[in-house]
């Protein structure tokens, strides 16, 4: 299994941008699809984007499409989540997760999870 560590969270003003990183350990990182999820206080964890092993295919739910961008650098074992036009409702703990099968929207396909990084957006 691959181990994941998220970073880049913090306090942000609405309208700003933020890039989260998901650093992975393990020589087979490039074979994993990676998904990003978030969990706001009192809410269930939700899917916000994914990227396949090569980086050529990404997928986003309509709720974040156009503002969220997932990318990866396999040479650095890192996946990124770029969030633009931040909104207070983006406040959540953001998690990355790894899947050996195709990364999807359902948590059950993911085998490894990071510990999460807190993002707080003030209006």
Protein backbone atom coordinates (compact mmCIF):
# COMPACT_ATOMS: atom_id res chain seq x y z
CA UNK A 1 0.00 0.00 0.00
CA UNK A 2 0.97 3.59 -0.49
CA UNK A 3 1.11 6.08 2.38
CA UNK A 4 -0.33 9.53 1.78
CA UNK A 5 0.26 12.87 3.52
CA UNK A 6 -1.75 15.98 2.67
CA UNK A 7 -0.46 19.51 3.17
CA UNK A 8 -1.20 23.07 2.14
CA UNK A 9 -4.32 23.75 4.13
CA UNK A 10 -4.88 26.82 6.26
CA UNK A 11 -6.96 29.97 6.70
CA UNK A 12 -7.94 31.71 3.48
CA UNK A 13 -10.07 34.63 2.37
CA UNK A 14 -13.00 34.01 0.08
CA UNK A 15 -12.08 34.62 -3.53
CA UNK A 16 -8.52 33.45 -3.10
CA UNK A 17 -6.78 30.35 -4.37
CA UNK A 18 -5.15 27.43 -2.67
CA UNK A 19 -3.13 24.43 -3.75
CA UNK A 20 -3.18 21.31 -1.64
CA UNK A 21 -0.54 18.62 -1.99
CA UNK A 22 -0.76 14.89 -1.46
CA UNK A 23 2.67 13.34 -1.05
CA UNK A 24 2.97 9.59 -1.40
CA UNK A 25 5.54 7.07 -0.36
CA UNK A 26 6.03 3.92 -2.33
CA UNK A 27 7.67 3.05 -5.63
CA UNK A 28 4.37 2.08 -7.26
CA UNK A 29 2.71 5.46 -6.75
CA UNK A 30 2.44 6.07 -10.49
CA UNK A 31 0.15 3.06 -10.84
CA UNK A 32 -2.48 4.49 -8.46
CA UNK A 33 -5.47 6.59 -9.25
CA UNK A 34 -5.92 9.37 -6.71
CA UNK A 35 -9.11 10.90 -5.44
CA UNK A 36 -9.74 13.99 -3.35
CA UNK A 37 -12.55 14.18 -0.83
CA UNK A 38 -13.62 16.71 1.76
CA UNK A 39 -15.64 16.64 4.93
CA UNK A 40 -17.24 19.72 6.37
CA UNK A 41 -18.33 19.87 10.03
CA UNK A 42 -21.51 17.90 10.55
CA UNK A 43 -21.57 16.62 6.98
CA UNK A 44 -20.64 13.42 5.23
CA UNK A 45 -17.39 13.16 3.32
CA UNK A 46 -17.86 14.07 -0.33
CA UNK A 47 -15.90 13.45 -3.51
CA UNK A 48 -14.38 16.55 -5.13
CA UNK A 49 -12.09 15.22 -7.85
CA UNK A 50 -9.90 12.43 -9.13
CA UNK A 51 -7.05 11.72 -11.49
CA UNK A 52 -5.98 8.50 -13.15
CA UNK A 53 -2.51 6.98 -12.92
CA UNK A 54 -1.12 8.80 -15.96
CA UNK A 55 -2.66 12.17 -15.19
CA UNK A 56 -4.43 12.24 -18.55
CA UNK A 57 -7.92 11.77 -17.15
CA UNK A 58 -9.59 13.77 -14.42
CA UNK A 59 -13.14 13.87 -13.14
CA UNK A 60 -15.05 16.37 -11.03
CA UNK A 61 -18.55 16.58 -9.65
CA UNK A 62 -20.65 19.45 -10.97
CA UNK A 63 -20.49 21.15 -7.59
CA UNK A 64 -16.79 22.04 -8.02
CA UNK A 65 -16.24 21.77 -11.77
CA UNK A 66 -14.46 24.84 -13.09
CA UNK A 67 -12.97 25.78 -9.71
CA UNK A 68 -11.11 22.61 -8.70
CA UNK A 69 -8.24 21.09 -10.68
CA UNK A 70 -6.41 17.87 -9.87
CA UNK A 71 -2.94 17.27 -11.30
CA UNK A 72 -0.04 14.99 -10.52
CA UNK A 73 3.72 14.80 -10.80
CA UNK A 74 4.66 11.14 -10.72
CA UNK A 75 8.36 11.96 -10.68
CA UNK A 76 7.77 13.66 -7.31
CA UNK A 77 5.15 11.20 -6.06
CA UNK A 78 2.75 14.08 -5.53
CA UNK A 79 -0.81 14.92 -6.49
CA UNK A 80 -2.20 18.42 -6.27
CA UNK A 81 -5.63 19.93 -5.78
CA UNK A 82 -5.90 23.52 -6.99
CA UNK A 83 -8.91 25.41 -5.64
CA UNK A 84 -9.77 28.77 -7.15
CA UNK A 85 -12.40 31.34 -6.20
CA UNK A 86 -12.56 29.97 -2.68
CA UNK A 87 -15.94 30.10 -0.95
CA UNK A 88 -16.80 29.78 2.74
CA UNK A 89 -18.58 26.54 1.89
CA UNK A 90 -15.23 25.09 0.82
CA UNK A 91 -14.33 24.98 4.51
CA UNK A 92 -13.60 21.34 5.29
CA UNK A 93 -10.94 18.77 5.97
CA UNK A 94 -9.54 17.66 2.64
CA UNK A 95 -8.35 14.10 2.12
CA UNK A 96 -6.54 12.35 -0.69
CA UNK A 97 -6.93 8.64 -1.29
CA UNK A 98 -5.29 6.05 -3.53
CA UNK A 99 -6.88 3.30 -5.60
CA UNK A 100 -5.23 0.55 -7.61
CA UNK A 101 -8.35 0.28 -9.71
CA UNK A 102 -9.75 3.29 -11.51
CA UNK A 103 -10.21 6.22 -9.15
CA UNK A 104 -13.90 6.89 -8.75
CA UNK A 105 -16.43 8.83 -6.77
CA UNK A 106 -17.10 6.12 -4.20
CA UNK A 107 -14.94 5.85 -1.09
CA UNK A 108 -14.97 2.07 -1.19
CA UNK A 109 -12.62 1.83 -4.19
CA UNK A 110 -9.82 3.58 -2.32
CA UNK A 111 -7.32 1.55 -0.34
CA UNK A 112 -5.20 4.19 1.34
CA UNK A 113 -6.13 7.52 2.87
CA UNK A 114 -4.18 10.46 4.17
CA UNK A 115 -4.85 12.10 7.51
CA UNK A 116 -6.41 15.19 5.97
CA UNK A 117 -5.58 18.88 5.92
CA UNK A 118 -7.92 21.59 7.21
CA UNK A 119 -9.03 24.37 4.90
CA UNK A 120 -10.94 27.27 6.42
CA UNK A 121 -12.34 30.02 4.20
CA UNK A 122 -13.58 33.25 5.73
CA UNK A 123 -15.95 35.63 4.02
